[in-house]
Amino acid sequence: MTFRSDSNRPTFIAYTVTERTGRKNVWTPVGAAWPHTSAKGFTIKLHALPLNGHIVLLEPRQDEASPAEQSVADDTGF
């Protein structure tokens, strides 16, 4: 596996979403994805596994820190 060396910024942030009735859902970052340099595809590194088995990949916001720097749930309600 090779990662792009020109940037450590991931292409996608991996989230798990906890749905809450009558309230905003909680989006918790659980990892990130980077494209391969030698083949089509991505490497996904997870720091946690969602209990519901679902992972959502979204492009990072400009002001978003890397998943390693995020230690609390992101309740932005994307």
PDB file of N, CA and C in Angstrom:
ATOM      1  N   MET A   1       0.834  -1.181   0.000  1.00  0.00           N
ATOM      2  CA  MET A   1       0.000   0.000   0.000  1.00  0.00           C
ATOM      3  C   MET A   1       0.878   1.242   0.000  1.00  0.00           C
ATOM      4  N   THR A   2       0.530   2.173  -0.854  1.00  0.00           N
ATOM      5  CA  THR A   2       1.225   3.455  -0.823  1.00  0.00           C
ATOM      6  C   THR A   2       0.222   4.573  -0.713  1.00  0.00           C
ATOM      7  N   PHE A   3       0.583   5.572   0.063  1.00  0.00           N
ATOM      8  CA  PHE A   3      -0.249   6.750   0.236  1.00  0.00           C
ATOM      9  C   PHE A   3       0.336   7.882  -0.574  1.00  0.00           C
ATOM     10  N   ARG A   4      -0.474   8.862  -0.882  1.00  0.00           N
ATOM     11  CA  ARG A   4       0.031  10.057  -1.547  1.00  0.00           C
ATOM     12  C   ARG A   4       0.965  10.786  -0.609  1.00  0.00           C
ATOM     13  N   SER A   5       2.138  11.095  -1.098  1.00  0.00           N
ATOM     14  CA  SER A   5       3.114  11.773  -0.249  1.00  0.00           C
ATOM     15  C   SER A   5       2.982  13.287  -0.306  1.00  0.00           C
ATOM     16  N   ASP A   6       2.197  13.813  -1.268  1.00  0.00           N
ATOM     17  CA  ASP A   6       2.085  15.263  -1.396  1.00  0.00           C
ATOM     18  C   ASP A   6       1.170  15.882  -0.357  1.00  0.00           C
ATOM     19  N   SER A   7       0.412  15.079   0.361  1.00  0.00           N
ATOM     20  CA  SER A   7      -0.496  15.636   1.360  1.00  0.00           C
ATOM     21  C   SER A   7      -0.877  14.565   2.373  1.00  0.00           C
ATOM     22  N   ASN A   8      -0.874  14.942   3.637  1.00  0.00           N
ATOM     23  CA  ASN A   8      -1.362  14.043   4.667  1.00  0.00           C
ATOM     24  C   ASN A   8      -2.854  14.220   4.879  1.00  0.00           C
ATOM     25  N   ARG A   9      -3.429  15.267   4.264  1.00  0.00           N
ATOM     26  CA  ARG A   9      -4.853  15.540   4.409  1.00  0.00           C
ATOM     27  C   ARG A   9      -5.658  14.454   3.695  1.00  0.00           C
ATOM     28  N   PRO A  10      -6.560  13.805   4.396  1.00  0.00           N
ATOM     29  CA  PRO A  10      -7.343  12.738   3.762  1.00  0.00           C
ATOM     30  C   PRO A  10      -8.334  13.292   2.741  1.00  0.00           C
ATOM     31  N   THR A  11      -8.713  12.442   1.810  1.00  0.00           N
ATOM     32  CA  THR A  11      -9.714  12.812   0.814  1.00  0.00           C
ATOM     33  C   THR A  11     -11.116  12.758   1.415  1.00  0.00           C
ATOM     34  N   PHE A  12     -11.332  11.815   2.326  1.00  0.00           N
ATOM     35  CA  PHE A  12     -12.614  11.657   2.998  1.00  0.00           C
ATOM     36  C   PHE A  12     -12.404  11.440   4.486  1.00  0.00           C
ATOM     37  N   ILE A  13     -13.372  11.897   5.280  1.00  0.00           N
ATOM     38  CA  ILE A  13     -13.424  11.612   6.707  1.00  0.00           C
ATOM     39  C   ILE A  13     -14.519  10.561   6.907  1.00  0.00           C
ATOM     40  N   ALA A  14     -14.229   9.546   7.696  1.00  0.00           N
ATOM     41  CA  ALA A  14     -15.198   8.486   7.981  1.00  0.00           C
ATOM     42  C   ALA A  14     -15.936   8.814   9.277  1.00  0.00           C
ATOM     43  N   TYR A  15     -17.262   8.733   9.229  1.00  0.00           N
ATOM     44  CA  TYR A  15     -18.110   9.026  10.392  1.00  0.00           C
ATOM     45  C   TYR A  15     -19.028   7.847  10.665  1.00  0.00           C
ATOM     46  N   THR A  16     -19.435   7.714  11.903  1.00  0.00           N
ATOM     47  CA  THR A  16     -20.588   6.894  12.248  1.00  0.00           C
ATOM     48  C   THR A  16     -21.649   7.857  12.762  1.00  0.00           C
ATOM     49  N   VAL A  17     -22.894   7.578  12.434  1.00  0.00           N
ATOM     50  CA  VAL A  17     -23.981   8.485  12.790  1.00  0.00           C
ATOM     51  C   VAL A  17     -24.916   7.798  13.775  1.00  0.00           C
ATOM     52  N   THR A  18     -25.123   8.424  14.921  1.00  0.00           N
ATOM     53  CA  THR A  18     -26.068   7.928  15.918  1.00  0.00           C
ATOM     54  C   THR A  18     -27.349   8.723  15.774  1.00  0.00           C
ATOM     55  N   GLU A  19     -28.423   8.045  15.390  1.00  0.00           N
ATOM     56  CA  GLU A  19     -29.707   8.718  15.214  1.00  0.00           C
ATOM     57  C   GLU A  19     -30.397   8.861  16.560  1.00  0.00           C
ATOM     58  N   ARG A  20     -30.951  10.064  16.786  1.00  0.00           N
ATOM     59  CA  ARG A  20     -31.655  10.331  18.045  1.00  0.00           C
ATOM     60  C   ARG A  20     -33.029  10.881  17.714  1.00  0.00           C
ATOM     61  N   THR A  21     -34.059  10.270  18.222  1.00  0.00           N
ATOM     62  CA  THR A  21     -35.434  10.672  17.951  1.00  0.00           C
ATOM     63  C   THR A  21     -35.707  12.062  18.506  1.00  0.00           C
ATOM     64  N   GLY A  22     -36.185  12.940  17.635  1.00  0.00           N
ATOM     65  CA  GLY A  22     -36.560  14.285  18.055  1.00  0.00           C
ATOM     66  C   GLY A  22     -35.393  15.231  18.294  1.00  0.00           C
ATOM     67  N   ARG A  23     -34.174  14.783  18.049  1.00  0.00           N
ATOM     68  CA  ARG A  23     -32.993  15.624  18.252  1.00  0.00           C
ATOM     69  C   ARG A  23     -32.042  15.455  17.072  1.00  0.00           C
ATOM     70  N   LYS A  24     -31.030  16.319  16.992  1.00  0.00           N
ATOM     71  CA  LYS A  24     -30.033  16.202  15.939  1.00  0.00           C
ATOM     72  C   LYS A  24     -29.264  14.895  16.080  1.00  0.00           C
ATOM     73  N   ASN A  25     -28.911  14.314  14.948  1.00  0.00           N
ATOM     74  CA  ASN A  25     -28.084  13.119  14.961  1.00  0.00           C
ATOM     75  C   ASN A  25     -26.673  13.485  15.402  1.00  0.00           C
ATOM     76  N   VAL A  26     -25.963  12.537  15.970  1.00  0.00           N
ATOM     77  CA  VAL A  26     -24.583  12.759  16.401  1.00  0.00           C
ATOM     78  C   VAL A  26     -23.654  12.123  15.375  1.00  0.00           C
ATOM     79  N   TRP A  27     -22.777  12.942  14.786  1.00  0.00           N
ATOM     80  CA  TRP A  27     -21.794  12.492  13.805  1.00  0.00           C
ATOM     81  C   TRP A  27     -20.455  12.367  14.516  1.00  0.00           C
ATOM     82  N   THR A  28     -19.931  11.155  14.623  1.00  0.00           N
ATOM     83  CA  THR A  28     -18.676  10.909  15.311  1.00  0.00           C
ATOM     84  C   THR A  28     -17.611  10.482  14.302  1.00  0.00           C
ATOM     85  N   PRO A  29     -16.514  11.229  14.198  1.00  0.00           N
ATOM     86  CA  PRO A  29     -15.454  10.817  13.274  1.00  0.00           C
ATOM     87  C   PRO A  29     -14.767   9.548  13.786  1.00  0.00           C
ATOM     88  N   VAL A  30     -14.604   8.563  12.894  1.00  0.00           N
ATOM     89  CA  VAL A  30     -13.992   7.295  13.284  1.00  0.00           C
ATOM     90  C   VAL A  30     -12.789   6.929  12.419  1.00  0.00           C
ATOM     91  N   GLY A  31     -12.439   7.772  11.456  1.00  0.00           N
ATOM     92  CA  GLY A  31     -11.302   7.467  10.605  1.00  0.00           C
ATOM     93  C   GLY A  31     -11.231   8.361   9.396  1.00  0.00           C
ATOM     94  N   ALA A  32     -10.444   7.937   8.398  1.00  0.00           N
ATOM     95  CA  ALA A  32     -10.240   8.739   7.199  1.00  0.00           C
ATOM     96  C   ALA A  32      -9.854   7.838   6.033  1.00  0.00           C
ATOM     97  N   ALA A  33      -9.909   8.411   4.801  1.00  0.00           N
ATOM     98  CA  ALA A  33      -9.564   7.668   3.593  1.00  0.00           C
ATOM     99  C   ALA A  33      -8.629   8.491   2.721  1.00  0.00           C
ATOM    100  N   TRP A  34      -7.605   7.824   2.187  1.00  0.00           N
ATOM    101  CA  TRP A  34      -6.635   8.452   1.290  1.00  0.00           C
ATOM    102  C   TRP A  34      -6.586   7.651  -0.006  1.00  0.00           C
ATOM    103  N   PRO A  35      -6.402   8.333  -1.160  1.00  0.00           N
ATOM    104  CA  PRO A  35      -6.306   7.602  -2.426  1.00  0.00           C
ATOM    105  C   PRO A  35      -4.950   6.911  -2.565  1.00  0.00           C
ATOM    106  N   HIS A  36      -4.944   5.810  -3.298  1.00  0.00           N
ATOM    107  CA  HIS A  36      -3.700   5.117  -3.630  1.00  0.00           C
ATOM    108  C   HIS A  36      -2.982   5.894  -4.724  1.00  0.00           C
ATOM    109  N   THR A  37      -1.674   5.787  -4.782  1.00  0.00           N
ATOM    110  CA  THR A  37      -0.924   6.428  -5.855  1.00  0.00           C
ATOM    111  C   THR A  37      -0.696   5.468  -7.018  1.00  0.00           C
ATOM    112  N   SER A  38      -0.683   4.174  -6.740  1.00  0.00           N
ATOM    113  CA  SER A  38      -0.346   3.210  -7.781  1.00  0.00           C
ATOM    114  C   SER A  38      -1.550   2.503  -8.400  1.00  0.00           C
ATOM    115  N   ALA A  39      -2.721   2.692  -7.844  1.00  0.00           N
ATOM    116  CA  ALA A  39      -3.912   2.027  -8.375  1.00  0.00           C
ATOM    117  C   ALA A  39      -5.148   2.821  -7.993  1.00  0.00           C
ATOM    118  N   LYS A  40      -6.259   2.553  -8.685  1.00  0.00           N
ATOM    119  CA  LYS A  40      -7.509   3.208  -8.329  1.00  0.00           C
ATOM    120  C   LYS A  40      -8.023   2.611  -7.030  1.00  0.00           C
ATOM    121  N   GLY A  41      -8.444   3.461  -6.124  1.00  0.00           N
ATOM    122  CA  GLY A  41      -8.984   2.974  -4.862  1.00  0.00           C
ATOM    123  C   GLY A  41      -8.505   3.814  -3.701  1.00  0.00           C
ATOM    124  N   PHE A  42      -8.941   3.449  -2.521  1.00  0.00           N
ATOM    125  CA  PHE A  42      -8.637   4.201  -1.313  1.00  0.00           C
ATOM    126  C   PHE A  42      -8.187   3.260  -0.212  1.00  0.00           C
ATOM    127  N   THR A  43      -7.386   3.786   0.676  1.00  0.00           N
ATOM    128  CA  THR A  43      -7.061   3.109   1.912  1.00  0.00           C
ATOM    129  C   THR A  43      -7.841   3.805   3.006  1.00  0.00           C
ATOM    130  N   ILE A  44      -8.578   3.034   3.793  1.00  0.00           N
ATOM    131  CA  ILE A  44      -9.370   3.594   4.884  1.00  0.00           C
ATOM    132  C   ILE A  44      -8.746   3.151   6.195  1.00  0.00           C
ATOM    133  N   LYS A  45      -8.435   4.130   7.043  1.00  0.00           N
ATOM    134  CA  LYS A  45      -7.886   3.832   8.359  1.00  0.00           C
ATOM    135  C   LYS A  45      -8.945   4.199   9.391  1.00  0.00           C
ATOM    136  N   LEU A  46      -9.382   3.204  10.164  1.00  0.00           N
ATOM    137  CA  LEU A  46     -10.407   3.424  11.184  1.00  0.00           C
ATOM    138  C   LEU A  46      -9.777   3.392  12.568  1.00  0.00           C
ATOM    139  N   HIS A  47     -10.221   4.312  13.416  1.00  0.00           N
ATOM    140  CA  HIS A  47      -9.770   4.367  14.804  1.00  0.00           C
ATOM    141  C   HIS A  47     -10.800   3.749  15.740  1.00  0.00           C
ATOM    142  N   ALA A  48     -11.981   3.482  15.195  1.00  0.00           N
ATOM    143  CA  ALA A  48     -13.072   2.869  15.960  1.00  0.00           C
ATOM    144  C   ALA A  48     -14.015   2.207  14.964  1.00  0.00           C
ATOM    145  N   LEU A  49     -14.802   1.275  15.434  1.00  0.00           N
ATOM    146  CA  LEU A  49     -15.798   0.617  14.593  1.00  0.00           C
ATOM    147  C   LEU A  49     -17.190   1.005  15.061  1.00  0.00           C
ATOM    148  N   PRO A  50     -18.066   1.347  14.119  1.00  0.00           N
ATOM    149  CA  PRO A  50     -19.423   1.718  14.513  1.00  0.00           C
ATOM    150  C   PRO A  50     -20.213   0.497  14.961  1.00  0.00           C
ATOM    151  N   LEU A  51     -21.004   0.670  15.990  1.00  0.00           N
ATOM    152  CA  LEU A  51     -21.829  -0.436  16.495  1.00  0.00           C
ATOM    153  C   LEU A  51     -22.907  -0.843  15.504  1.00  0.00           C
ATOM    154  N   ASN A  52     -23.378   0.112  14.689  1.00  0.00           N
ATOM    155  CA  ASN A  52     -24.444  -0.191  13.732  1.00  0.00           C
ATOM    156  C   ASN A  52     -23.906  -0.717  12.400  1.00  0.00           C
ATOM    157  N   GLY A  53     -22.580  -0.760  12.231  1.00  0.00           N
ATOM    158  CA  GLY A  53     -21.996  -1.289  11.012  1.00  0.00           C
ATOM    159  C   GLY A  53     -21.986  -0.341   9.832  1.00  0.00           C
ATOM    160  N   HIS A  54     -22.444   0.886  10.000  1.00  0.00           N
ATOM    161  CA  HIS A  54     -22.505   1.854   8.903  1.00  0.00           C
ATOM    162  C   HIS A  54     -21.426   2.916   9.056  1.00  0.00           C
ATOM    163  N   ILE A  55     -20.752   3.200   7.950  1.00  0.00           N
ATOM    164  CA  ILE A  55     -19.749   4.262   7.906  1.00  0.00           C
ATOM    165  C   ILE A  55     -20.138   5.211   6.784  1.00  0.00           C
ATOM    166  N   VAL A  56     -20.086   6.502   7.054  1.00  0.00           N
ATOM    167  CA  VAL A  56     -20.365   7.541   6.065  1.00  0.00           C
ATOM    168  C   VAL A  56     -19.047   8.231   5.750  1.00  0.00           C
ATOM    169  N   LEU A  57     -18.704   8.350   4.451  1.00  0.00           N
ATOM    170  CA  LEU A  57     -17.496   9.061   4.039  1.00  0.00           C
ATOM    171  C   LEU A  57     -17.896  10.397   3.432  1.00  0.00           C
ATOM    172  N   LEU A  58     -17.339  11.477   3.988  1.00  0.00           N
ATOM    173  CA  LEU A  58     -17.603  12.823   3.489  1.00  0.00           C
ATOM    174  C   LEU A  58     -16.284  13.542   3.256  1.00  0.00           C
ATOM    175  N   GLU A  59     -16.277  14.456   2.267  1.00  0.00           N
ATOM    176  CA  GLU A  59     -15.089  15.278   2.064  1.00  0.00           C
ATOM    177  C   GLU A  59     -14.895  16.162   3.289  1.00  0.00           C
ATOM    178  N   PRO A  60     -13.638  16.372   3.703  1.00  0.00           N
ATOM    179  CA  PRO A  60     -13.397  17.218   4.880  1.00  0.00           C
ATOM    180  C   PRO A  60     -13.755  18.674   4.596  1.00  0.00           C
ATOM    181  N   ARG A  61     -14.236  19.339   5.625  1.00  0.00           N
ATOM    182  CA  ARG A  61     -14.468  20.781   5.521  1.00  0.00           C
ATOM    183  C   ARG A  61     -13.114  21.471   5.573  1.00  0.00           C
ATOM    184  N   GLN A  62     -13.046  22.702   5.101  1.00  0.00           N
ATOM    185  CA  GLN A  62     -11.791  23.460   5.116  1.00  0.00           C
ATOM    186  C   GLN A  62     -11.257  23.643   6.526  1.00  0.00           C
ATOM    187  N   ASP A  63     -12.144  23.871   7.494  1.00  0.00           N
ATOM    188  CA  ASP A  63     -11.724  24.151   8.865  1.00  0.00           C
ATOM    189  C   ASP A  63     -11.614  22.893   9.724  1.00  0.00           C
ATOM    190  N   GLU A  64     -11.790  21.718   9.112  1.00  0.00           N
ATOM    191  CA  GLU A  64     -11.834  20.482   9.882  1.00  0.00           C
ATOM    192  C   GLU A  64     -10.429  19.947  10.165  1.00  0.00           C
ATOM    193  N   ALA A  65     -10.214  19.569  11.409  1.00  0.00           N
ATOM    194  CA  ALA A  65      -8.947  18.960  11.805  1.00  0.00           C
ATOM    195  C   ALA A  65      -8.932  17.512  11.345  1.00  0.00           C
ATOM    196  N   SER A  66      -7.768  16.910  11.335  1.00  0.00           N
ATOM    197  CA  SER A  66      -7.667  15.505  10.961  1.00  0.00           C
ATOM    198  C   SER A  66      -8.349  14.655  12.026  1.00  0.00           C
ATOM    199  N   PRO A  67      -8.813  13.443  11.679  1.00  0.00           N
ATOM    200  CA  PRO A  67      -9.486  12.591  12.663  1.00  0.00           C
ATOM    201  C   PRO A  67      -8.639  12.323  13.898  1.00  0.00           C
ATOM    202  N   ALA A  68      -7.322  12.292  13.735  1.00  0.00           N
ATOM    203  CA  ALA A  68      -6.455  12.054  14.889  1.00  0.00           C
ATOM    204  C   ALA A  68      -6.523  13.205  15.884  1.00  0.00           C
ATOM    205  N   GLU A  69      -6.845  14.400  15.392  1.00  0.00           N
ATOM    206  CA  GLU A  69      -6.924  15.567  16.262  1.00  0.00           C
ATOM    207  C   GLU A  69      -8.311  15.751  16.864  1.00  0.00           C
ATOM    208  N   GLN A  70      -9.289  15.012  16.350  1.00  0.00           N
ATOM    209  CA  GLN A  70     -10.652  15.118  16.860  1.00  0.00           C
ATOM    210  C   GLN A  70     -10.878  14.047  17.908  1.00  0.00           C
ATOM    211  N   SER A  71     -11.243  14.457  19.097  1.00  0.00           N
ATOM    212  CA  SER A  71     -11.421  13.461  20.145  1.00  0.00           C
ATOM    213  C   SER A  71     -12.845  13.445  20.693  1.00  0.00           C
ATOM    214  N   VAL A  72     -13.698  14.327  20.197  1.00  0.00           N
ATOM    215  CA  VAL A  72     -15.077  14.358  20.661  1.00  0.00           C
ATOM    216  C   VAL A  72     -16.013  14.238  19.485  1.00  0.00           C
ATOM    217  N   ALA A  73     -17.236  13.863  19.737  1.00  0.00           N
ATOM    218  CA  ALA A  73     -18.238  13.716  18.680  1.00  0.00           C
ATOM    219  C   ALA A  73     -18.489  15.039  18.005  1.00  0.00           C
ATOM    220  N   ASP A  74     -18.666  14.991  16.680  1.00  0.00           N
ATOM    221  CA  ASP A  74     -18.940  16.174  15.889  1.00  0.00           C
ATOM    222  C   ASP A  74     -20.453  16.261  15.696  1.00  0.00           C
ATOM    223  N   ASP A  75     -21.115  17.144  16.398  1.00  0.00           N
ATOM    224  CA  ASP A  75     -22.571  17.251  16.343  1.00  0.00           C
ATOM    225  C   ASP A  75     -22.983  18.393  15.413  1.00  0.00           C
ATOM    226  N   THR A  76     -22.438  18.384  14.181  1.00  0.00           N
ATOM    227  CA  THR A  76     -22.696  19.480  13.248  1.00  0.00           C
ATOM    228  C   THR A  76     -23.978  19.276  12.466  1.00  0.00           C
ATOM    229  N   GLY A  77     -24.510  18.051  12.430  1.00  0.00           N
ATOM    230  CA  GLY A  77     -25.763  17.786  11.736  1.00  0.00           C
ATOM    231  C   GLY A  77     -25.680  17.907  10.234  1.00  0.00           C
ATOM    232  N   PHE A  78     -24.584  17.504   9.615  1.00  0.00           N
ATOM    233  CA  PHE A  78     -24.408  17.580   8.168  1.00  0.00           C
ATOM    234  C   PHE A  78     -25.678  17.310   7.437  1.00  0.00           C
TER     235      PHE A  78
END
